[in-house]
Amino acid sequence: MAIEIERKFLVTGDAWRTAAHKVVPMAQGYLNDIAAMDTGAMKASVRVRIQGDEAYLNLKSRELGHTRQEFDYAIPVEDARGLLALSVGGLVDKRRHYVDFGGHLWEVDEFLGDNAGLVVAEIELASAEESFEKPAWIGREVTDSKRYYNLALASRPYSRWSEAERAGTVD
C-alpha cells in the first residue's frame, strides 16, 4: 500500500512558468463522483488519467488532508479512453508544469476548459512533518479545502464557483 503525503497551494503570478522544466498535458475523469465519497457509499476515488502518451488508473482514499492511501496502475491508453467515456461528471483537462525548487519537485497544474483560470501547485513529501521552502509564487494553502480536489472539480468546475469561493472567503 502506498501512502501519499501531499500539500496543495494556490499559485500567484506567472513567475513559475520560466522555472518549469517539463510540461505534460493531462485529461482525467472519475468513475465515481464527489457525492459517493461524501455519503460514504465509496471510500476511494477512482480516476482514469491520460498524461502525454501514458495512461493510469488511480484509486485514492477519501481522507481529507495531506495524507491518503494511493494506488496507481499503468493501463493501455486505449483502455483509458474507453474508461474516460464512462466518467461521471466532467473531464478535468490541465497542463502539469514540473518545477524544481528548494530540493523538491513542485507540480503546477494549470487548468483548462471549465476549470480555466485555476492554477494550483502540489508538493509531495516524505513525511507529514517534513519542512520545505515555498517559492515566492506560492499563495494560500488549500490542502484541506475539498473543492480544490480534482474529483470535486469534475463535479463542480471552477467556472461555476461564486466570487466568494474564488476569493476563499467561504469554504
N, C-alpha and C. Protein backbone atom coordinates (compact mmCIF):
# COMPACT_ATOMS: atom_id res chain seq x y z
N MET A 1 0.84 -1.18 0.00
CA MET A 1 0.00 0.00 0.00
C MET A 1 0.89 1.24 0.00
N ALA A 2 0.57 2.15 -0.88
CA ALA A 2 1.32 3.40 -0.95
C ALA A 2 0.59 4.50 -0.17
N ILE A 3 1.36 5.34 0.46
CA ILE A 3 0.80 6.49 1.17
C ILE A 3 1.27 7.74 0.46
N GLU A 4 0.34 8.63 0.16
CA GLU A 4 0.67 9.91 -0.46
C GLU A 4 0.58 10.99 0.60
N ILE A 5 1.63 11.78 0.70
CA ILE A 5 1.64 12.93 1.60
C ILE A 5 1.86 14.14 0.71
N GLU A 6 0.80 14.91 0.55
CA GLU A 6 0.81 15.98 -0.44
C GLU A 6 0.20 17.25 0.15
N ARG A 7 0.80 18.37 -0.16
CA ARG A 7 0.27 19.67 0.24
C ARG A 7 -0.09 20.42 -1.03
N LYS A 8 -1.17 21.20 -0.97
CA LYS A 8 -1.71 21.87 -2.15
C LYS A 8 -1.85 23.36 -1.86
N PHE A 9 -1.43 24.19 -2.82
CA PHE A 9 -1.44 25.64 -2.66
C PHE A 9 -1.97 26.32 -3.92
N LEU A 10 -2.59 27.48 -3.73
CA LEU A 10 -2.91 28.31 -4.88
C LEU A 10 -1.62 28.95 -5.37
N VAL A 11 -1.61 29.33 -6.64
CA VAL A 11 -0.43 29.93 -7.25
C VAL A 11 -0.73 31.39 -7.56
N THR A 12 0.23 32.26 -7.29
CA THR A 12 0.07 33.67 -7.58
C THR A 12 1.07 34.07 -8.67
N GLY A 13 0.62 34.83 -9.63
CA GLY A 13 1.51 35.32 -10.68
C GLY A 13 1.95 34.23 -11.65
N ASP A 14 2.91 34.59 -12.51
CA ASP A 14 3.40 33.68 -13.55
C ASP A 14 4.88 33.36 -13.43
N ALA A 15 5.54 33.73 -12.34
CA ALA A 15 6.99 33.53 -12.21
C ALA A 15 7.38 32.06 -12.31
N TRP A 16 6.49 31.15 -11.97
CA TRP A 16 6.76 29.72 -12.03
C TRP A 16 6.97 29.22 -13.46
N ARG A 17 6.38 29.92 -14.42
CA ARG A 17 6.45 29.46 -15.82
C ARG A 17 7.88 29.33 -16.33
N THR A 18 8.71 30.31 -16.02
CA THR A 18 10.09 30.27 -16.52
C THR A 18 10.92 29.20 -15.81
N ALA A 19 10.48 28.78 -14.64
CA ALA A 19 11.21 27.75 -13.89
C ALA A 19 10.79 26.33 -14.27
N ALA A 20 9.69 26.19 -14.99
CA ALA A 20 9.21 24.85 -15.35
C ALA A 20 10.16 24.20 -16.34
N HIS A 21 10.53 22.95 -16.07
CA HIS A 21 11.45 22.23 -16.95
C HIS A 21 10.74 21.20 -17.82
N LYS A 22 9.45 20.99 -17.56
CA LYS A 22 8.69 20.00 -18.31
C LYS A 22 7.21 20.34 -18.19
N VAL A 23 6.46 20.12 -19.27
CA VAL A 23 5.01 20.34 -19.27
C VAL A 23 4.36 19.10 -19.88
N VAL A 24 3.33 18.58 -19.21
CA VAL A 24 2.63 17.40 -19.70
C VAL A 24 1.13 17.68 -19.72
N PRO A 25 0.48 17.50 -20.89
CA PRO A 25 -0.98 17.65 -20.93
C PRO A 25 -1.64 16.45 -20.26
N MET A 26 -2.72 16.71 -19.54
CA MET A 26 -3.44 15.64 -18.84
C MET A 26 -4.93 15.80 -19.02
N ALA A 27 -5.60 14.68 -19.21
CA ALA A 27 -7.06 14.61 -19.21
C ALA A 27 -7.43 13.51 -18.25
N GLN A 28 -8.36 13.81 -17.35
CA GLN A 28 -8.74 12.79 -16.38
C GLN A 28 -10.22 12.86 -16.08
N GLY A 29 -10.75 11.71 -15.71
CA GLY A 29 -12.14 11.61 -15.33
C GLY A 29 -12.26 10.62 -14.18
N TYR A 30 -13.43 10.58 -13.59
CA TYR A 30 -13.66 9.75 -12.40
C TYR A 30 -14.82 8.79 -12.64
N LEU A 31 -14.66 7.57 -12.14
CA LEU A 31 -15.72 6.57 -12.27
C LEU A 31 -16.70 6.63 -11.10
N ASN A 32 -16.44 7.52 -10.17
CA ASN A 32 -17.39 7.84 -9.10
C ASN A 32 -17.38 9.35 -8.92
N ASP A 33 -18.36 9.87 -8.22
CA ASP A 33 -18.43 11.32 -8.05
C ASP A 33 -18.24 11.72 -6.59
N ILE A 34 -18.21 13.00 -6.37
CA ILE A 34 -17.96 13.54 -5.03
C ILE A 34 -19.09 13.13 -4.06
N ALA A 35 -20.33 13.00 -4.57
CA ALA A 35 -21.45 12.61 -3.71
C ALA A 35 -21.24 11.21 -3.13
N ALA A 36 -20.72 10.30 -3.95
CA ALA A 36 -20.46 8.93 -3.46
C ALA A 36 -19.43 8.94 -2.34
N MET A 37 -18.50 9.87 -2.42
CA MET A 37 -17.48 9.98 -1.38
C MET A 37 -18.07 10.64 -0.13
N ASP A 38 -18.84 11.71 -0.34
CA ASP A 38 -19.40 12.45 0.80
C ASP A 38 -20.37 11.61 1.63
N THR A 39 -21.14 10.76 0.96
CA THR A 39 -22.11 9.93 1.69
C THR A 39 -21.47 8.70 2.30
N GLY A 40 -20.24 8.40 1.90
CA GLY A 40 -19.57 7.21 2.41
C GLY A 40 -19.89 5.97 1.60
N ALA A 41 -20.67 6.12 0.51
CA ALA A 41 -21.00 4.98 -0.34
C ALA A 41 -19.73 4.39 -0.96
N MET A 42 -18.74 5.23 -1.20
CA MET A 42 -17.44 4.77 -1.68
C MET A 42 -16.38 5.37 -0.78
N LYS A 43 -15.33 4.62 -0.54
CA LYS A 43 -14.27 5.08 0.36
C LYS A 43 -13.01 5.47 -0.39
N ALA A 44 -13.07 5.46 -1.74
CA ALA A 44 -11.92 5.85 -2.56
C ALA A 44 -12.42 6.45 -3.87
N SER A 45 -11.70 7.43 -4.36
CA SER A 45 -11.99 7.94 -5.70
C SER A 45 -11.32 7.00 -6.69
N VAL A 46 -11.94 6.86 -7.85
CA VAL A 46 -11.41 6.01 -8.92
C VAL A 46 -11.21 6.91 -10.14
N ARG A 47 -9.95 7.18 -10.45
CA ARG A 47 -9.60 8.14 -11.50
C ARG A 47 -8.95 7.42 -12.68
N VAL A 48 -9.25 7.90 -13.87
CA VAL A 48 -8.58 7.48 -15.10
C VAL A 48 -7.88 8.72 -15.63
N ARG A 49 -6.59 8.59 -15.96
CA ARG A 49 -5.82 9.75 -16.44
C ARG A 49 -4.99 9.36 -17.66
N ILE A 50 -5.06 10.22 -18.67
CA ILE A 50 -4.13 10.13 -19.79
C ILE A 50 -3.20 11.31 -19.65
N GLN A 51 -1.91 11.03 -19.56
CA GLN A 51 -0.91 12.09 -19.44
C GLN A 51 0.15 11.87 -20.50
N GLY A 52 0.13 12.77 -21.49
CA GLY A 52 1.02 12.58 -22.62
C GLY A 52 0.65 11.30 -23.33
N ASP A 53 1.60 10.38 -23.50
CA ASP A 53 1.33 9.11 -24.18
C ASP A 53 1.23 7.94 -23.21
N GLU A 54 0.93 8.23 -21.95
CA GLU A 54 0.76 7.20 -20.92
C GLU A 54 -0.62 7.33 -20.29
N ALA A 55 -1.09 6.23 -19.68
CA ALA A 55 -2.39 6.26 -19.02
C ALA A 55 -2.32 5.48 -17.72
N TYR A 56 -3.16 5.90 -16.76
CA TYR A 56 -3.15 5.30 -15.42
C TYR A 56 -4.55 5.19 -14.86
N LEU A 57 -4.74 4.16 -14.07
CA LEU A 57 -5.93 4.00 -13.24
C LEU A 57 -5.45 4.24 -11.82
N ASN A 58 -6.14 5.11 -11.10
CA ASN A 58 -5.68 5.54 -9.78
C ASN A 58 -6.83 5.43 -8.79
N LEU A 59 -6.54 4.91 -7.62
CA LEU A 59 -7.50 4.87 -6.52
C LEU A 59 -6.88 5.60 -5.35
N LYS A 60 -7.66 6.50 -4.76
CA LYS A 60 -7.15 7.31 -3.66
C LYS A 60 -8.19 7.33 -2.54
N SER A 61 -7.76 7.04 -1.32
CA SER A 61 -8.69 7.01 -0.19
C SER A 61 -9.29 8.38 0.05
N ARG A 62 -10.43 8.39 0.75
CA ARG A 62 -11.21 9.62 0.83
C ARG A 62 -10.86 10.55 1.98
N GLU A 63 -9.81 10.30 2.71
CA GLU A 63 -9.47 11.20 3.81
C GLU A 63 -9.20 12.61 3.29
N LEU A 64 -9.72 13.59 4.02
CA LEU A 64 -9.42 14.98 3.73
C LEU A 64 -8.09 15.31 4.38
N GLY A 65 -7.27 16.08 3.68
CA GLY A 65 -5.99 16.46 4.26
C GLY A 65 -4.83 16.00 3.43
N HIS A 66 -3.64 16.03 4.03
CA HIS A 66 -2.41 15.81 3.27
C HIS A 66 -1.97 14.35 3.16
N THR A 67 -2.56 13.42 3.91
CA THR A 67 -2.09 12.03 3.89
C THR A 67 -3.24 11.10 3.50
N ARG A 68 -3.03 10.35 2.41
CA ARG A 68 -4.05 9.42 1.93
C ARG A 68 -3.39 8.17 1.35
N GLN A 69 -4.14 7.09 1.31
CA GLN A 69 -3.68 5.90 0.60
C GLN A 69 -3.84 6.15 -0.90
N GLU A 70 -2.87 5.68 -1.68
CA GLU A 70 -2.96 5.87 -3.13
C GLU A 70 -2.42 4.64 -3.85
N PHE A 71 -3.14 4.21 -4.86
CA PHE A 71 -2.76 3.08 -5.69
C PHE A 71 -2.81 3.55 -7.14
N ASP A 72 -1.74 3.36 -7.89
CA ASP A 72 -1.62 3.88 -9.25
C ASP A 72 -1.15 2.75 -10.16
N TYR A 73 -1.90 2.51 -11.24
CA TYR A 73 -1.58 1.40 -12.14
C TYR A 73 -1.54 1.87 -13.58
N ALA A 74 -0.48 1.56 -14.29
CA ALA A 74 -0.38 1.87 -15.71
C ALA A 74 -1.38 0.99 -16.47
N ILE A 75 -2.08 1.60 -17.43
CA ILE A 75 -3.02 0.86 -18.29
C ILE A 75 -2.81 1.31 -19.73
N PRO A 76 -3.25 0.53 -20.70
CA PRO A 76 -3.13 0.96 -22.09
C PRO A 76 -3.95 2.23 -22.35
N VAL A 77 -3.43 3.11 -23.19
CA VAL A 77 -4.11 4.38 -23.49
C VAL A 77 -5.50 4.13 -24.08
N GLU A 78 -5.65 3.14 -24.92
CA GLU A 78 -6.97 2.83 -25.49
C GLU A 78 -7.96 2.44 -24.41
N ASP A 79 -7.52 1.67 -23.43
CA ASP A 79 -8.39 1.32 -22.30
C ASP A 79 -8.78 2.58 -21.54
N ALA A 80 -7.84 3.48 -21.34
CA ALA A 80 -8.12 4.73 -20.62
C ALA A 80 -9.16 5.55 -21.37
N ARG A 81 -9.04 5.61 -22.69
CA ARG A 81 -10.04 6.36 -23.48
C ARG A 81 -11.44 5.77 -23.28
N GLY A 82 -11.52 4.45 -23.28
CA GLY A 82 -12.81 3.80 -23.05
C GLY A 82 -13.35 4.09 -21.66
N LEU A 83 -12.48 4.07 -20.66
CA LEU A 83 -12.91 4.37 -19.29
C LEU A 83 -13.30 5.85 -19.13
N LEU A 84 -12.59 6.74 -19.80
CA LEU A 84 -12.95 8.17 -19.73
C LEU A 84 -14.36 8.39 -20.27
N ALA A 85 -14.76 7.61 -21.24
CA ALA A 85 -16.12 7.72 -21.78
C ALA A 85 -17.17 7.30 -20.76
N LEU A 86 -16.77 6.55 -19.74
CA LEU A 86 -17.68 6.12 -18.68
C LEU A 86 -17.64 7.05 -17.46
N SER A 87 -16.88 8.11 -17.54
CA SER A 87 -16.69 9.02 -16.40
C SER A 87 -18.00 9.65 -15.95
N VAL A 88 -18.06 9.88 -14.65
CA VAL A 88 -19.17 10.59 -14.03
C VAL A 88 -18.76 12.06 -13.95
N GLY A 89 -19.63 12.97 -14.29
CA GLY A 89 -19.27 14.40 -14.25
C GLY A 89 -18.42 14.75 -15.46
N GLY A 90 -17.76 15.88 -15.38
CA GLY A 90 -16.96 16.35 -16.49
C GLY A 90 -15.54 15.85 -16.44
N LEU A 91 -14.85 16.02 -17.54
CA LEU A 91 -13.43 15.70 -17.59
C LEU A 91 -12.64 16.88 -17.05
N VAL A 92 -11.53 16.61 -16.44
CA VAL A 92 -10.63 17.64 -15.95
C VAL A 92 -9.45 17.68 -16.91
N ASP A 93 -9.32 18.79 -17.63
CA ASP A 93 -8.20 18.99 -18.54
C ASP A 93 -7.24 19.99 -17.91
N LYS A 94 -5.95 19.68 -18.00
CA LYS A 94 -4.96 20.58 -17.42
C LYS A 94 -3.60 20.33 -18.06
N ARG A 95 -2.73 21.28 -17.82
CA ARG A 95 -1.32 21.12 -18.16
C ARG A 95 -0.57 21.09 -16.84
N ARG A 96 0.24 20.05 -16.66
CA ARG A 96 1.05 19.95 -15.45
C ARG A 96 2.46 20.42 -15.78
N HIS A 97 2.89 21.44 -15.03
CA HIS A 97 4.24 22.01 -15.19
C HIS A 97 5.08 21.52 -14.01
N TYR A 98 6.27 21.00 -14.29
CA TYR A 98 7.16 20.49 -13.26
C TYR A 98 8.23 21.52 -12.97
N VAL A 99 8.34 21.91 -11.68
CA VAL A 99 9.26 22.95 -11.25
C VAL A 99 10.08 22.42 -10.07
N ASP A 100 11.40 22.44 -10.21
CA ASP A 100 12.28 22.09 -9.09
C ASP A 100 12.56 23.35 -8.29
N PHE A 101 12.37 23.26 -6.97
CA PHE A 101 12.65 24.41 -6.11
C PHE A 101 12.95 23.91 -4.70
N GLY A 102 14.02 24.40 -4.13
CA GLY A 102 14.36 24.10 -2.74
C GLY A 102 14.52 22.61 -2.45
N GLY A 103 15.00 21.86 -3.42
CA GLY A 103 15.21 20.43 -3.21
C GLY A 103 13.96 19.58 -3.35
N HIS A 104 12.86 20.17 -3.82
CA HIS A 104 11.61 19.44 -4.02
C HIS A 104 11.10 19.67 -5.44
N LEU A 105 10.28 18.74 -5.88
CA LEU A 105 9.59 18.90 -7.16
C LEU A 105 8.19 19.43 -6.89
N TRP A 106 7.88 20.56 -7.48
CA TRP A 106 6.55 21.14 -7.41
C TRP A 106 5.83 20.82 -8.71
N GLU A 107 4.57 20.39 -8.60
CA GLU A 107 3.73 20.14 -9.76
C GLU A 107 2.70 21.26 -9.81
N VAL A 108 2.79 22.08 -10.85
CA VAL A 108 1.88 23.21 -11.00
C VAL A 108 0.85 22.84 -12.05
N ASP A 109 -0.40 22.73 -11.63
CA ASP A 109 -1.49 22.37 -12.54
C ASP A 109 -2.20 23.62 -13.01
N GLU A 110 -2.12 23.85 -14.31
CA GLU A 110 -2.82 24.95 -14.97
C GLU A 110 -4.06 24.34 -15.63
N PHE A 111 -5.22 24.63 -15.06
CA PHE A 111 -6.45 24.00 -15.52
C PHE A 111 -6.98 24.67 -16.77
N LEU A 112 -7.65 23.88 -17.60
CA LEU A 112 -8.21 24.33 -18.87
C LEU A 112 -9.72 24.06 -18.86
N GLY A 113 -10.39 24.41 -19.94
CA GLY A 113 -11.82 24.12 -20.08
C GLY A 113 -12.65 24.78 -19.00
N ASP A 114 -13.56 24.02 -18.39
CA ASP A 114 -14.45 24.56 -17.36
C ASP A 114 -13.73 24.99 -16.09
N ASN A 115 -12.48 24.59 -15.94
CA ASN A 115 -11.70 24.98 -14.77
C ASN A 115 -10.62 26.01 -15.10
N ALA A 116 -10.69 26.59 -16.30
CA ALA A 116 -9.71 27.59 -16.72
C ALA A 116 -9.68 28.76 -15.74
N GLY A 117 -8.48 29.24 -15.48
CA GLY A 117 -8.28 30.32 -14.52
C GLY A 117 -7.76 29.84 -13.18
N LEU A 118 -7.90 28.56 -12.91
CA LEU A 118 -7.42 27.99 -11.66
C LEU A 118 -6.02 27.42 -11.87
N VAL A 119 -5.10 27.80 -11.00
CA VAL A 119 -3.73 27.27 -11.03
C VAL A 119 -3.37 26.86 -9.60
N VAL A 120 -3.02 25.59 -9.45
CA VAL A 120 -2.74 25.01 -8.14
C VAL A 120 -1.38 24.31 -8.19
N ALA A 121 -0.60 24.44 -7.12
CA ALA A 121 0.69 23.75 -7.02
C ALA A 121 0.63 22.72 -5.91
N GLU A 122 1.23 21.56 -6.17
CA GLU A 122 1.28 20.49 -5.19
C GLU A 122 2.73 20.09 -4.96
N ILE A 123 3.01 19.69 -3.73
CA ILE A 123 4.32 19.16 -3.38
C ILE A 123 4.09 17.87 -2.62
N GLU A 124 4.81 16.81 -3.00
CA GLU A 124 4.74 15.55 -2.27
C GLU A 124 5.91 15.48 -1.31
N LEU A 125 5.62 15.02 -0.11
CA LEU A 125 6.61 14.99 0.96
C LEU A 125 6.85 13.56 1.44
N ALA A 126 7.98 13.33 2.03
CA ALA A 126 8.32 12.01 2.57
C ALA A 126 7.62 11.75 3.90
N SER A 127 7.31 12.82 4.64
CA SER A 127 6.58 12.68 5.91
C SER A 127 5.74 13.93 6.12
N ALA A 128 4.72 13.80 6.95
CA ALA A 128 3.84 14.93 7.22
C ALA A 128 4.57 16.07 7.92
N GLU A 129 5.67 15.76 8.61
CA GLU A 129 6.41 16.78 9.35
C GLU A 129 7.56 17.38 8.54
N GLU A 130 7.78 16.90 7.33
CA GLU A 130 8.91 17.39 6.53
C GLU A 130 8.76 18.89 6.24
N SER A 131 9.83 19.62 6.46
CA SER A 131 9.80 21.05 6.16
C SER A 131 10.21 21.25 4.70
N PHE A 132 9.78 22.36 4.15
CA PHE A 132 10.09 22.67 2.76
C PHE A 132 10.04 24.18 2.55
N GLU A 133 10.80 24.63 1.59
CA GLU A 133 10.85 26.04 1.25
C GLU A 133 9.77 26.33 0.21
N LYS A 134 9.03 27.42 0.43
CA LYS A 134 7.98 27.81 -0.51
C LYS A 134 8.52 28.85 -1.49
N PRO A 135 8.31 28.63 -2.78
CA PRO A 135 8.68 29.65 -3.77
C PRO A 135 7.83 30.91 -3.57
N ALA A 136 8.29 32.03 -4.08
CA ALA A 136 7.58 33.31 -3.93
C ALA A 136 6.20 33.27 -4.58
N TRP A 137 6.00 32.40 -5.56
CA TRP A 137 4.73 32.34 -6.28
C TRP A 137 3.68 31.45 -5.61
N ILE A 138 4.01 30.90 -4.45
CA ILE A 138 3.04 30.07 -3.71
C ILE A 138 2.16 30.98 -2.87
N GLY A 139 0.85 30.75 -3.01
CA GLY A 139 -0.13 31.53 -2.25
C GLY A 139 -0.72 30.71 -1.11
N ARG A 140 -1.98 30.92 -0.88
CA ARG A 140 -2.71 30.30 0.23
C ARG A 140 -2.75 28.77 0.10
N GLU A 141 -2.56 28.09 1.24
CA GLU A 141 -2.67 26.63 1.25
C GLU A 141 -4.14 26.22 1.18
N VAL A 142 -4.43 25.22 0.33
CA VAL A 142 -5.80 24.73 0.16
C VAL A 142 -5.87 23.20 0.32
N THR A 143 -4.88 22.63 0.99
CA THR A 143 -4.83 21.18 1.19
C THR A 143 -6.11 20.64 1.80
N ASP A 144 -6.67 21.35 2.76
CA ASP A 144 -7.85 20.87 3.47
C ASP A 144 -9.17 21.37 2.90
N SER A 145 -9.13 22.00 1.75
CA SER A 145 -10.35 22.51 1.11
C SER A 145 -10.76 21.57 -0.01
N LYS A 146 -11.82 20.83 0.22
CA LYS A 146 -12.26 19.77 -0.68
C LYS A 146 -12.54 20.27 -2.10
N ARG A 147 -13.01 21.50 -2.26
CA ARG A 147 -13.39 21.96 -3.60
C ARG A 147 -12.22 22.04 -4.57
N TYR A 148 -10.97 22.04 -4.06
CA TYR A 148 -9.79 22.07 -4.93
C TYR A 148 -9.34 20.68 -5.35
N TYR A 149 -9.95 19.64 -4.84
CA TYR A 149 -9.61 18.28 -5.25
C TYR A 149 -10.13 18.08 -6.68
N ASN A 150 -9.38 17.39 -7.49
CA ASN A 150 -9.78 17.18 -8.88
C ASN A 150 -11.13 16.48 -8.98
N LEU A 151 -11.42 15.57 -8.06
CA LEU A 151 -12.73 14.90 -8.05
C LEU A 151 -13.85 15.93 -7.91
N ALA A 152 -13.66 16.91 -7.05
CA ALA A 152 -14.67 17.95 -6.87
C ALA A 152 -14.75 18.84 -8.11
N LEU A 153 -13.60 19.13 -8.73
CA LEU A 153 -13.58 19.98 -9.93
C LEU A 153 -14.28 19.29 -11.11
N ALA A 154 -14.29 17.97 -11.14
CA ALA A 154 -15.00 17.25 -12.19
C ALA A 154 -16.51 17.40 -12.02
N SER A 155 -16.97 17.45 -10.77
CA SER A 155 -18.40 17.57 -10.48
C SER A 155 -18.88 19.02 -10.50
N ARG A 156 -18.06 19.90 -9.97
CA ARG A 156 -18.43 21.33 -9.88
C ARG A 156 -17.21 22.16 -10.25
N PRO A 157 -17.06 22.45 -11.55
CA PRO A 157 -15.85 23.14 -12.02
C PRO A 157 -15.74 24.58 -11.52
N TYR A 158 -14.54 25.07 -11.59
CA TYR A 158 -14.18 26.43 -11.18
C TYR A 158 -15.07 27.49 -11.83
N SER A 159 -15.49 27.26 -13.06
CA SER A 159 -16.34 28.24 -13.76
C SER A 159 -17.69 28.42 -13.08
N ARG A 160 -18.09 27.50 -12.22
CA ARG A 160 -19.38 27.60 -11.53
C ARG A 160 -19.23 28.10 -10.08
N TRP A 161 -18.02 28.43 -9.68
CA TRP A 161 -17.80 28.94 -8.33
C TRP A 161 -18.26 30.39 -8.22
N SER A 162 -18.71 30.76 -7.03
CA SER A 162 -19.05 32.16 -6.76
C SER A 162 -17.75 32.96 -6.58
N GLU A 163 -17.89 34.27 -6.61
CA GLU A 163 -16.72 35.14 -6.37
C GLU A 163 -16.16 34.90 -4.97
N ALA A 164 -17.04 34.67 -4.00
CA ALA A 164 -16.60 34.42 -2.62
C ALA A 164 -15.80 33.11 -2.55
N GLU A 165 -16.22 32.09 -3.29
CA GLU A 165 -15.47 30.83 -3.31
C GLU A 165 -14.10 31.03 -3.95
N ARG A 166 -14.06 31.77 -5.05
CA ARG A 166 -12.79 32.02 -5.71
C ARG A 166 -11.85 32.84 -4.84
N ALA A 167 -12.41 33.75 -4.06
CA ALA A 167 -11.59 34.60 -3.18
C ALA A 167 -11.19 33.87 -1.90
N GLY A 168 -11.83 32.73 -1.63
CA GLY A 168 -11.50 31.97 -0.42
C GLY A 168 -12.15 32.51 0.83
N THR A 169 -13.20 33.32 0.69
CA THR A 169 -13.86 33.89 1.87
C THR A 169 -14.96 32.98 2.40
N VAL A 170 -15.30 31.92 1.63
CA VAL A 170 -16.23 30.89 2.10
C VAL A 170 -15.62 29.54 1.77
N ASP A 171 -15.98 28.52 2.53
CA ASP A 171 -15.45 27.18 2.25
C ASP A 171 -16.49 26.23 1.85
